[in-house]
């Protein structure tokens, strides 16, 4: 694999240099999946299908969320676990991922 650095997200500076991650590594895939999770679908006008639907009022369907993430980031194999709701009506969503072609766990 050739060295192809991507900027680390969120951006980090160490010793005056922007930090990078290597393309196609678990770190690169992880940050791409994280970006999808924090982007509401429709928030980017030039990529309106990027991101996930806001689960506030519709809840989380773990199979659909995993499928949506894998469709948007084909380098990842994603599983989603739900816990709850607790006494306050909140659910905890845990997203696990591994590289799709390497099978290396996170």
PDB file of N, CA and C in Angstrom:
ATOM      1  N   UNK A   1       0.837  -1.168   0.000  1.00  0.00           N
ATOM      2  CA  UNK A   1       0.000   0.000   0.000  1.00  0.00           C
ATOM      3  C   UNK A   1       0.885   1.236   0.000  1.00  0.00           C
ATOM      4  N   UNK A   2       0.655   2.132  -0.925  1.00  0.00           N
ATOM      5  CA  UNK A   2       1.434   3.367  -1.007  1.00  0.00           C
ATOM      6  C   UNK A   2       1.017   4.321   0.103  1.00  0.00           C
ATOM      7  N   UNK A   3       1.955   5.150   0.547  1.00  0.00           N
ATOM      8  CA  UNK A   3       1.646   6.135   1.579  1.00  0.00           C
ATOM      9  C   UNK A   3       0.832   7.266   0.976  1.00  0.00           C
ATOM     10  N   UNK A   4      -0.439   7.359   1.388  1.00  0.00           N
ATOM     11  CA  UNK A   4      -1.312   8.433   0.939  1.00  0.00           C
ATOM     12  C   UNK A   4      -1.935   9.040   2.189  1.00  0.00           C
ATOM     13  N   UNK A   5      -1.365  10.146   2.671  1.00  0.00           N
ATOM     14  CA  UNK A   5      -1.905  10.721   3.904  1.00  0.00           C
ATOM     15  C   UNK A   5      -3.181  11.516   3.660  1.00  0.00           C
ATOM     16  N   UNK A   6      -4.104  11.406   4.610  1.00  0.00           N
ATOM     17  CA  UNK A   6      -5.315  12.222   4.645  1.00  0.00           C
ATOM     18  C   UNK A   6      -5.269  13.016   5.934  1.00  0.00           C
ATOM     19  N   UNK A   7      -5.807  14.222   5.912  1.00  0.00           N
ATOM     20  CA  UNK A   7      -5.856  15.004   7.139  1.00  0.00           C
ATOM     21  C   UNK A   7      -6.677  14.273   8.188  1.00  0.00           C
ATOM     22  N   UNK A   8      -6.187  14.293   9.411  1.00  0.00           N
ATOM     23  CA  UNK A   8      -6.922  13.699  10.511  1.00  0.00           C
ATOM     24  C   UNK A   8      -8.133  14.568  10.816  1.00  0.00           C
ATOM     25  N   UNK A   9      -9.259  13.928  11.096  1.00  0.00           N
ATOM     26  CA  UNK A   9     -10.468  14.668  11.421  1.00  0.00           C
ATOM     27  C   UNK A   9     -10.977  14.222  12.763  1.00  0.00           C
ATOM     28  N   UNK A  10     -11.306  15.093  13.673  1.00  0.00           N
ATOM     29  CA  UNK A  10     -11.194  16.535  13.539  1.00  0.00           C
ATOM     30  C   UNK A  10      -9.730  16.955  13.413  1.00  0.00           C
ATOM     31  N   UNK A  11      -9.533  18.125  12.807  1.00  0.00           N
ATOM     32  CA  UNK A  11      -8.170  18.601  12.569  1.00  0.00           C
ATOM     33  C   UNK A  11      -7.416  18.714  13.885  1.00  0.00           C
ATOM     34  N   UNK A  12      -6.164  18.233  13.868  1.00  0.00           N
ATOM     35  CA  UNK A  12      -5.309  18.318  15.034  1.00  0.00           C
ATOM     36  C   UNK A  12      -3.942  18.813  14.599  1.00  0.00           C
ATOM     37  N   UNK A  13      -3.353  19.647  15.444  1.00  0.00           N
ATOM     38  CA  UNK A  13      -2.012  20.163  15.182  1.00  0.00           C
ATOM     39  C   UNK A  13      -1.103  19.683  16.296  1.00  0.00           C
ATOM     40  N   UNK A  14       0.040  19.131  15.902  1.00  0.00           N
ATOM     41  CA  UNK A  14       1.043  18.682  16.865  1.00  0.00           C
ATOM     42  C   UNK A  14       2.396  19.162  16.366  1.00  0.00           C
ATOM     43  N   UNK A  15       3.126  19.849  17.228  1.00  0.00           N
ATOM     44  CA  UNK A  15       4.433  20.419  16.858  1.00  0.00           C
ATOM     45  C   UNK A  15       4.336  21.286  15.603  1.00  0.00           C
ATOM     46  N   UNK A  16       3.232  22.035  15.488  1.00  0.00           N
ATOM     47  CA  UNK A  16       3.066  22.961  14.381  1.00  0.00           C
ATOM     48  C   UNK A  16       2.670  22.326  13.064  1.00  0.00           C
ATOM     49  N   UNK A  17       2.348  21.030  13.064  1.00  0.00           N
ATOM     50  CA  UNK A  17       1.975  20.341  11.821  1.00  0.00           C
ATOM     51  C   UNK A  17       0.591  19.723  11.949  1.00  0.00           C
ATOM     52  N   UNK A  18      -0.170  19.798  10.871  1.00  0.00           N
ATOM     53  CA  UNK A  18      -1.453  19.112  10.847  1.00  0.00           C
ATOM     54  C   UNK A  18      -1.205  17.606  10.877  1.00  0.00           C
ATOM     55  N   UNK A  19      -1.975  16.900  11.690  1.00  0.00           N
ATOM     56  CA  UNK A  19      -1.831  15.456  11.798  1.00  0.00           C
ATOM     57  C   UNK A  19      -2.576  14.763  10.653  1.00  0.00           C
ATOM     58  N   UNK A  20      -2.066  13.626  10.240  1.00  0.00           N
ATOM     59  CA  UNK A  20      -2.645  12.877   9.130  1.00  0.00           C
ATOM     60  C   UNK A  20      -2.860  11.424   9.523  1.00  0.00           C
ATOM     61  N   UNK A  21      -3.699  10.748   8.751  1.00  0.00           N
ATOM     62  CA  UNK A  21      -3.867   9.302   8.856  1.00  0.00           C
ATOM     63  C   UNK A  21      -3.603   8.716   7.479  1.00  0.00           C
ATOM     64  N   UNK A  22      -3.190   7.487   7.449  1.00  0.00           N
ATOM     65  CA  UNK A  22      -2.907   6.803   6.196  1.00  0.00           C
ATOM     66  C   UNK A  22      -4.204   6.339   5.540  1.00  0.00           C
ATOM     67  N   UNK A  23      -4.325   6.573   4.233  1.00  0.00           N
ATOM     68  CA  UNK A  23      -5.508   6.151   3.485  1.00  0.00           C
ATOM     69  C   UNK A  23      -5.718   4.652   3.610  1.00  0.00           C
ATOM     70  N   UNK A  24      -6.999   4.257   3.736  1.00  0.00           N
ATOM     71  CA  UNK A  24      -7.443   2.866   3.774  1.00  0.00           C
ATOM     72  C   UNK A  24      -7.040   2.127   5.041  1.00  0.00           C
ATOM     73  N   UNK A  25      -6.599   2.821   6.069  1.00  0.00           N
ATOM     74  CA  UNK A  25      -6.341   2.182   7.359  1.00  0.00           C
ATOM     75  C   UNK A  25      -7.619   2.249   8.193  1.00  0.00           C
ATOM     76  N   UNK A  26      -7.645   1.509   9.287  1.00  0.00           N
ATOM     77  CA  UNK A  26      -8.816   1.530  10.155  1.00  0.00           C
ATOM     78  C   UNK A  26      -9.067   2.941  10.689  1.00  0.00           C
ATOM     79  N   UNK A  27      -7.997   3.703  10.927  1.00  0.00           N
ATOM     80  CA  UNK A  27      -8.169   5.074  11.419  1.00  0.00           C
ATOM     81  C   UNK A  27      -8.871   5.942  10.380  1.00  0.00           C
ATOM     82  N   UNK A  28      -8.499   5.781   9.112  1.00  0.00           N
ATOM     83  CA  UNK A  28      -9.117   6.538   8.024  1.00  0.00           C
ATOM     84  C   UNK A  28     -10.589   6.167   7.889  1.00  0.00           C
ATOM     85  N   UNK A  29     -10.888   4.888   7.880  1.00  0.00           N
ATOM     86  CA  UNK A  29     -12.269   4.427   7.746  1.00  0.00           C
ATOM     87  C   UNK A  29     -13.089   4.863   8.956  1.00  0.00           C
ATOM     88  N   UNK A  30     -12.504   4.755  10.148  1.00  0.00           N
ATOM     89  CA  UNK A  30     -13.205   5.154  11.368  1.00  0.00           C
ATOM     90  C   UNK A  30     -13.603   6.631  11.318  1.00  0.00           C
ATOM     91  N   UNK A  31     -12.682   7.488  10.891  1.00  0.00           N
ATOM     92  CA  UNK A  31     -13.031   8.908  10.864  1.00  0.00           C
ATOM     93  C   UNK A  31     -14.054   9.211   9.774  1.00  0.00           C
ATOM     94  N   UNK A  32     -14.061   8.461   8.686  1.00  0.00           N
ATOM     95  CA  UNK A  32     -15.083   8.653   7.653  1.00  0.00           C
ATOM     96  C   UNK A  32     -16.464   8.241   8.168  1.00  0.00           C
ATOM     97  N   UNK A  33     -16.538   7.116   8.881  1.00  0.00           N
ATOM     98  CA  UNK A  33     -17.812   6.670   9.450  1.00  0.00           C
ATOM     99  C   UNK A  33     -18.279   7.671  10.509  1.00  0.00           C
ATOM    100  N   UNK A  34     -17.361   8.167  11.317  1.00  0.00           N
ATOM    101  CA  UNK A  34     -17.731   9.164  12.326  1.00  0.00           C
ATOM    102  C   UNK A  34     -18.300  10.417  11.662  1.00  0.00           C
ATOM    103  N   UNK A  35     -17.689  10.868  10.586  1.00  0.00           N
ATOM    104  CA  UNK A  35     -18.195  12.046   9.868  1.00  0.00           C
ATOM    105  C   UNK A  35     -19.610  11.795   9.353  1.00  0.00           C
ATOM    106  N   UNK A  36     -19.889  10.585   8.877  1.00  0.00           N
ATOM    107  CA  UNK A  36     -21.242  10.246   8.425  1.00  0.00           C
ATOM    108  C   UNK A  36     -22.232  10.306   9.583  1.00  0.00           C
ATOM    109  N   UNK A  37     -21.813   9.812  10.750  1.00  0.00           N
ATOM    110  CA  UNK A  37     -22.702   9.765  11.909  1.00  0.00           C
ATOM    111  C   UNK A  37     -23.062  11.146  12.443  1.00  0.00           C
ATOM    112  N   UNK A  38     -22.185  12.111  12.296  1.00  0.00           N
ATOM    113  CA  UNK A  38     -22.455  13.450  12.834  1.00  0.00           C
ATOM    114  C   UNK A  38     -22.988  14.418  11.775  1.00  0.00           C
ATOM    115  N   UNK A  39     -23.223  13.919  10.568  1.00  0.00           N
ATOM    116  CA  UNK A  39     -23.757  14.758   9.495  1.00  0.00           C
ATOM    117  C   UNK A  39     -25.222  14.407   9.257  1.00  0.00           C
ATOM    118  N   UNK A  40     -26.136  15.339   9.536  1.00  0.00           N
ATOM    119  CA  UNK A  40     -27.544  15.069   9.229  1.00  0.00           C
ATOM    120  C   UNK A  40     -27.754  15.004   7.716  1.00  0.00           C
ATOM    121  N   UNK A  41     -28.522  14.010   7.282  1.00  0.00           N
ATOM    122  CA  UNK A  41     -28.811  13.880   5.848  1.00  0.00           C
ATOM    123  C   UNK A  41     -29.449  15.183   5.359  1.00  0.00           C
ATOM    124  N   UNK A  42     -28.946  15.703   4.248  1.00  0.00           N
ATOM    125  CA  UNK A  42     -29.454  16.937   3.676  1.00  0.00           C
ATOM    126  C   UNK A  42     -28.686  18.178   4.105  1.00  0.00           C
ATOM    127  N   UNK A  43     -27.724  18.030   5.025  1.00  0.00           N
ATOM    128  CA  UNK A  43     -26.976  19.192   5.516  1.00  0.00           C
ATOM    129  C   UNK A  43     -25.964  19.710   4.505  1.00  0.00           C
ATOM    130  N   UNK A  44     -25.549  18.865   3.575  1.00  0.00           N
ATOM    131  CA  UNK A  44     -24.566  19.285   2.567  1.00  0.00           C
ATOM    132  C   UNK A  44     -25.267  19.408   1.219  1.00  0.00           C
ATOM    133  N   UNK A  45     -25.484  20.631   0.750  1.00  0.00           N
ATOM    134  CA  UNK A  45     -26.238  20.838  -0.490  1.00  0.00           C
ATOM    135  C   UNK A  45     -25.660  20.114  -1.702  1.00  0.00           C
ATOM    136  N   UNK A  46     -24.349  19.973  -1.780  1.00  0.00           N
ATOM    137  CA  UNK A  46     -23.750  19.309  -2.942  1.00  0.00           C
ATOM    138  C   UNK A  46     -23.725  17.783  -2.798  1.00  0.00           C
ATOM    139  N   UNK A  47     -24.058  17.295  -1.616  1.00  0.00           N
ATOM    140  CA  UNK A  47     -24.147  15.854  -1.377  1.00  0.00           C
ATOM    141  C   UNK A  47     -25.321  15.600  -0.432  1.00  0.00           C
ATOM    142  N   UNK A  48     -26.552  15.832  -0.896  1.00  0.00           N
ATOM    143  CA  UNK A  48     -27.709  15.789  -0.001  1.00  0.00           C
ATOM    144  C   UNK A  48     -28.005  14.416   0.603  1.00  0.00           C
ATOM    145  N   UNK A  49     -27.504  13.339   0.020  1.00  0.00           N
ATOM    146  CA  UNK A  49     -27.751  12.001   0.557  1.00  0.00           C
ATOM    147  C   UNK A  49     -26.694  11.568   1.561  1.00  0.00           C
ATOM    148  N   UNK A  50     -25.661  12.386   1.753  1.00  0.00           N
ATOM    149  CA  UNK A  50     -24.587  12.056   2.683  1.00  0.00           C
ATOM    150  C   UNK A  50     -25.052  12.255   4.117  1.00  0.00           C
ATOM    151  N   UNK A  51     -24.722  11.335   5.000  1.00  0.00           N
ATOM    152  CA  UNK A  51     -25.074  11.444   6.406  1.00  0.00           C
ATOM    153  C   UNK A  51     -26.173  10.473   6.779  1.00  0.00           C
ATOM    154  N   UNK A  52     -26.781  10.723   7.948  1.00  0.00           N
ATOM    155  CA  UNK A  52     -27.843   9.839   8.438  1.00  0.00           C
ATOM    156  C   UNK A  52     -29.078  10.668   8.763  1.00  0.00           C
ATOM    157  N   UNK A  53     -30.232  10.004   8.798  1.00  0.00           N
ATOM    158  CA  UNK A  53     -31.472  10.664   9.194  1.00  0.00           C
ATOM    159  C   UNK A  53     -31.422  10.938  10.692  1.00  0.00           C
ATOM    160  N   UNK A  54     -31.962  12.082  11.099  1.00  0.00           N
ATOM    161  CA  UNK A  54     -32.001  12.458  12.505  1.00  0.00           C
ATOM    162  C   UNK A  54     -32.883  11.467  13.265  1.00  0.00           C
ATOM    163  N   UNK A  55     -32.326  10.747  14.238  1.00  0.00           N
ATOM    164  CA  UNK A  55     -33.097   9.724  14.943  1.00  0.00           C
ATOM    165  C   UNK A  55     -33.935  10.257  16.107  1.00  0.00           C
ATOM    166  N   UNK A  56     -33.962  11.575  16.313  1.00  0.00           N
ATOM    167  CA  UNK A  56     -34.614  12.139  17.493  1.00  0.00           C
ATOM    168  C   UNK A  56     -36.047  11.663  17.651  1.00  0.00           C
ATOM    169  N   UNK A  57     -36.837  11.718  16.602  1.00  0.00           N
ATOM    170  CA  UNK A  57     -38.251  11.374  16.727  1.00  0.00           C
ATOM    171  C   UNK A  57     -38.611  10.040  16.077  1.00  0.00           C
ATOM    172  N   UNK A  58     -37.692   9.480  15.302  1.00  0.00           N
ATOM    173  CA  UNK A  58     -38.000   8.217  14.618  1.00  0.00           C
ATOM    174  C   UNK A  58     -37.293   7.027  15.241  1.00  0.00           C
ATOM    175  N   UNK A  59     -36.334   7.263  16.134  1.00  0.00           N
ATOM    176  CA  UNK A  59     -35.576   6.181  16.741  1.00  0.00           C
ATOM    177  C   UNK A  59     -34.493   5.666  15.804  1.00  0.00           C
ATOM    178  N   UNK A  60     -33.811   4.657  16.258  1.00  0.00           N
ATOM    179  CA  UNK A  60     -32.714   4.073  15.489  1.00  0.00           C
ATOM    180  C   UNK A  60     -33.069   2.643  15.121  1.00  0.00           C
ATOM    181  N   UNK A  61     -33.036   2.357  13.836  1.00  0.00           N
ATOM    182  CA  UNK A  61     -33.156   0.984  13.348  1.00  0.00           C
ATOM    183  C   UNK A  61     -31.729   0.499  13.109  1.00  0.00           C
ATOM    184  N   UNK A  62     -31.211  -0.400  13.954  1.00  0.00           N
ATOM    185  CA  UNK A  62     -29.791  -0.774  13.847  1.00  0.00           C
ATOM    186  C   UNK A  62     -29.404  -1.363  12.496  1.00  0.00           C
ATOM    187  N   UNK A  63     -30.278  -2.178  11.902  1.00  0.00           N
ATOM    188  CA  UNK A  63     -29.954  -2.774  10.610  1.00  0.00           C
ATOM    189  C   UNK A  63     -29.892  -1.708   9.517  1.00  0.00           C
ATOM    190  N   UNK A  64     -30.847  -0.772   9.548  1.00  0.00           N
ATOM    191  CA  UNK A  64     -30.849   0.283   8.532  1.00  0.00           C
ATOM    192  C   UNK A  64     -29.648   1.201   8.690  1.00  0.00           C
ATOM    193  N   UNK A  65     -29.329   1.566   9.942  1.00  0.00           N
ATOM    194  CA  UNK A  65     -28.178   2.434  10.181  1.00  0.00           C
ATOM    195  C   UNK A  65     -26.896   1.760   9.695  1.00  0.00           C
ATOM    196  N   UNK A  66     -26.710   0.490  10.011  1.00  0.00           N
ATOM    197  CA  UNK A  66     -25.516  -0.237   9.562  1.00  0.00           C
ATOM    198  C   UNK A  66     -25.460  -0.288   8.038  1.00  0.00           C
ATOM    199  N   UNK A  67     -26.597  -0.559   7.397  1.00  0.00           N
ATOM    200  CA  UNK A  67     -26.641  -0.623   5.931  1.00  0.00           C
ATOM    201  C   UNK A  67     -26.346   0.741   5.313  1.00  0.00           C
ATOM    202  N   UNK A  68     -26.919   1.814   5.886  1.00  0.00           N
ATOM    203  CA  UNK A  68     -26.663   3.161   5.368  1.00  0.00           C
ATOM    204  C   UNK A  68     -25.184   3.522   5.475  1.00  0.00           C
ATOM    205  N   UNK A  69     -24.573   3.192   6.602  1.00  0.00           N
ATOM    206  CA  UNK A  69     -23.153   3.502   6.790  1.00  0.00           C
ATOM    207  C   UNK A  69     -22.274   2.706   5.838  1.00  0.00           C
ATOM    208  N   UNK A  70     -22.595   1.431   5.648  1.00  0.00           N
ATOM    209  CA  UNK A  70     -21.816   0.598   4.733  1.00  0.00           C
ATOM    210  C   UNK A  70     -21.997   1.030   3.285  1.00  0.00           C
ATOM    211  N   UNK A  71     -23.193   1.482   2.924  1.00  0.00           N
ATOM    212  CA  UNK A  71     -23.412   1.987   1.561  1.00  0.00           C
ATOM    213  C   UNK A  71     -22.566   3.237   1.312  1.00  0.00           C
ATOM    214  N   UNK A  72     -22.505   4.114   2.312  1.00  0.00           N
ATOM    215  CA  UNK A  72     -21.757   5.359   2.153  1.00  0.00           C
ATOM    216  C   UNK A  72     -20.254   5.157   2.292  1.00  0.00           C
ATOM    217  N   UNK A  73     -19.847   4.160   3.065  1.00  0.00           N
ATOM    218  CA  UNK A  73     -18.422   3.876   3.273  1.00  0.00           C
ATOM    219  C   UNK A  73     -18.185   2.385   3.049  1.00  0.00           C
ATOM    220  N   UNK A  74     -17.990   1.984   1.776  1.00  0.00           N
ATOM    221  CA  UNK A  74     -17.879   0.561   1.443  1.00  0.00           C
ATOM    222  C   UNK A  74     -16.629  -0.118   2.002  1.00  0.00           C
ATOM    223  N   UNK A  75     -15.664   0.641   2.505  1.00  0.00           N
ATOM    224  CA  UNK A  75     -14.480   0.018   3.105  1.00  0.00           C
ATOM    225  C   UNK A  75     -14.759  -0.519   4.498  1.00  0.00           C
ATOM    226  N   UNK A  76     -15.946  -0.234   5.049  1.00  0.00           N
ATOM    227  CA  UNK A  76     -16.278  -0.619   6.421  1.00  0.00           C
ATOM    228  C   UNK A  76     -17.325  -1.722   6.458  1.00  0.00           C
ATOM    229  N   UNK A  77     -17.164  -2.629   7.404  1.00  0.00           N
ATOM    230  CA  UNK A  77     -18.215  -3.559   7.788  1.00  0.00           C
ATOM    231  C   UNK A  77     -18.715  -3.059   9.135  1.00  0.00           C
ATOM    232  N   UNK A  78     -20.001  -2.729   9.203  1.00  0.00           N
ATOM    233  CA  UNK A  78     -20.558  -2.036  10.364  1.00  0.00           C
ATOM    234  C   UNK A  78     -21.603  -2.900  11.054  1.00  0.00           C
ATOM    235  N   UNK A  79     -21.567  -2.930  12.388  1.00  0.00           N
ATOM    236  CA  UNK A  79     -22.644  -3.486  13.198  1.00  0.00           C
ATOM    237  C   UNK A  79     -23.049  -2.431  14.211  1.00  0.00           C
ATOM    238  N   UNK A  80     -24.341  -2.399  14.526  1.00  0.00           N
ATOM    239  CA  UNK A  80     -24.881  -1.402  15.442  1.00  0.00           C
ATOM    240  C   UNK A  80     -25.607  -2.122  16.571  1.00  0.00           C
ATOM    241  N   UNK A  81     -25.334  -1.717  17.808  1.00  0.00           N
ATOM    242  CA  UNK A  81     -26.003  -2.266  18.989  1.00  0.00           C
ATOM    243  C   UNK A  81     -26.778  -1.161  19.689  1.00  0.00           C
ATOM    244  N   UNK A  82     -27.958  -1.501  20.185  1.00  0.00           N
ATOM    245  CA  UNK A  82     -28.772  -0.555  20.950  1.00  0.00           C
ATOM    246  C   UNK A  82     -28.890  -1.043  22.384  1.00  0.00           C
ATOM    247  N   UNK A  83     -28.873  -0.111  23.335  1.00  0.00           N
ATOM    248  CA  UNK A  83     -29.141  -0.405  24.744  1.00  0.00           C
ATOM    249  C   UNK A  83     -30.147   0.626  25.230  1.00  0.00           C
ATOM    250  N   UNK A  84     -31.152   0.176  25.924  1.00  0.00           N
ATOM    251  CA  UNK A  84     -32.146   1.100  26.453  1.00  0.00           C
ATOM    252  C   UNK A  84     -33.475   0.892  25.784  1.00  0.00           C
ATOM    253  N   UNK A  85     -34.409   1.744  26.019  1.00  0.00           N
ATOM    254  CA  UNK A  85     -34.256   3.052  26.651  1.00  0.00           C
ATOM    255  C   UNK A  85     -34.136   2.947  28.169  1.00  0.00           C
ATOM    256  N   UNK A  86     -33.460   3.933  28.761  1.00  0.00           N
ATOM    257  CA  UNK A  86     -33.323   3.985  30.207  1.00  0.00           C
ATOM    258  C   UNK A  86     -34.530   4.694  30.816  1.00  0.00           C
ATOM    259  N   UNK A  87     -34.478   5.000  32.126  1.00  0.00           N
ATOM    260  CA  UNK A  87     -35.621   5.626  32.798  1.00  0.00           C
ATOM    261  C   UNK A  87     -35.937   7.016  32.255  1.00  0.00           C
ATOM    262  N   UNK A  88     -34.996   7.624  31.515  1.00  0.00           N
ATOM    263  CA  UNK A  88     -35.222   8.934  30.922  1.00  0.00           C
ATOM    264  C   UNK A  88     -35.615   8.840  29.448  1.00  0.00           C
ATOM    265  N   UNK A  89     -35.787   7.618  28.961  1.00  0.00           N
ATOM    266  CA  UNK A  89     -36.179   7.424  27.573  1.00  0.00           C
ATOM    267  C   UNK A  89     -35.033   7.514  26.578  1.00  0.00           C
ATOM    268  N   UNK A  90     -33.786   7.480  27.071  1.00  0.00           N
ATOM    269  CA  UNK A  90     -32.636   7.598  26.184  1.00  0.00           C
ATOM    270  C   UNK A  90     -32.088   6.218  25.833  1.00  0.00           C
ATOM    271  N   UNK A  91     -31.635   6.096  24.586  1.00  0.00           N
ATOM    272  CA  UNK A  91     -30.998   4.872  24.111  1.00  0.00           C
ATOM    273  C   UNK A  91     -29.529   5.137  23.876  1.00  0.00           C
ATOM    274  N   UNK A  92     -28.718   4.124  24.121  1.00  0.00           N
ATOM    275  CA  UNK A  92     -27.300   4.214  23.785  1.00  0.00           C
ATOM    276  C   UNK A  92     -27.075   3.412  22.510  1.00  0.00           C
ATOM    277  N   UNK A  93     -26.458   4.054  21.536  1.00  0.00           N
ATOM    278  CA  UNK A  93     -26.173   3.416  20.257  1.00  0.00           C
ATOM    279  C   UNK A  93     -24.668   3.218  20.167  1.00  0.00           C
ATOM    280  N   UNK A  94     -24.239   1.984  19.940  1.00  0.00           N
ATOM    281  CA  UNK A  94     -22.823   1.667  19.791  1.00  0.00           C
ATOM    282  C   UNK A  94     -22.586   1.162  18.375  1.00  0.00           C
ATOM    283  N   UNK A  95     -21.634   1.783  17.688  1.00  0.00           N
ATOM    284  CA  UNK A  95     -21.304   1.399  16.317  1.00  0.00           C
ATOM    285  C   UNK A  95     -19.947   0.725  16.322  1.00  0.00           C
ATOM    286  N   UNK A  96     -19.891  -0.505  15.835  1.00  0.00           N
ATOM    287  CA  UNK A  96     -18.640  -1.257  15.707  1.00  0.00           C
ATOM    288  C   UNK A  96     -18.300  -1.340  14.229  1.00  0.00           C
ATOM    289  N   UNK A  97     -17.017  -1.219  13.923  1.00  0.00           N
ATOM    290  CA  UNK A  97     -16.637  -1.361  12.522  1.00  0.00           C
ATOM    291  C   UNK A  97     -15.305  -2.066  12.394  1.00  0.00           C
ATOM    292  N   UNK A  98     -15.134  -2.654  11.243  1.00  0.00           N
ATOM    293  CA  UNK A  98     -13.864  -3.256  10.846  1.00  0.00           C
ATOM    294  C   UNK A  98     -13.683  -3.018   9.373  1.00  0.00           C
ATOM    295  N   UNK A  99     -12.459  -3.196   8.910  1.00  0.00           N
ATOM    296  CA  UNK A  99     -12.195  -3.038   7.484  1.00  0.00           C
ATOM    297  C   UNK A  99     -12.890  -4.145   6.725  1.00  0.00           C
ATOM    298  N   UNK A 100     -13.603  -3.785   5.670  1.00  0.00           N
ATOM    299  CA  UNK A 100     -14.418  -4.753   4.936  1.00  0.00           C
ATOM    300  C   UNK A 100     -13.585  -5.835   4.283  1.00  0.00           C
ATOM    301  N   UNK A 101     -12.427  -5.484   3.728  1.00  0.00           N
ATOM    302  CA  UNK A 101     -11.665  -6.495   3.013  1.00  0.00           C
ATOM    303  C   UNK A 101     -10.609  -7.167   3.874  1.00  0.00           C
ATOM    304  N   UNK A 102     -10.223  -6.568   4.980  1.00  0.00           N
ATOM    305  CA  UNK A 102      -9.165  -7.138   5.803  1.00  0.00           C
ATOM    306  C   UNK A 102      -9.699  -7.936   6.977  1.00  0.00           C
ATOM    307  N   UNK A 103     -10.910  -7.600   7.442  1.00  0.00           N
ATOM    308  CA  UNK A 103     -11.479  -8.312   8.566  1.00  0.00           C
ATOM    309  C   UNK A 103     -10.774  -8.045   9.881  1.00  0.00           C
ATOM    310  N   UNK A 104     -10.055  -6.934   9.970  1.00  0.00           N
ATOM    311  CA  UNK A 104      -9.361  -6.594  11.214  1.00  0.00           C
ATOM    312  C   UNK A 104     -10.311  -5.818  12.116  1.00  0.00           C
ATOM    313  N   UNK A 105     -10.582  -6.299  13.354  1.00  0.00           N
ATOM    314  CA  UNK A 105     -11.495  -5.576  14.226  1.00  0.00           C
ATOM    315  C   UNK A 105     -10.908  -4.250  14.670  1.00  0.00           C
ATOM    316  N   UNK A 106     -11.830  -3.334  15.046  1.00  0.00           N
ATOM    317  CA  UNK A 106     -11.439  -2.000  15.488  1.00  0.00           C
ATOM    318  C   UNK A 106     -10.599  -2.053  16.728  1.00  0.00           C
TER     319      UNK A 106
END
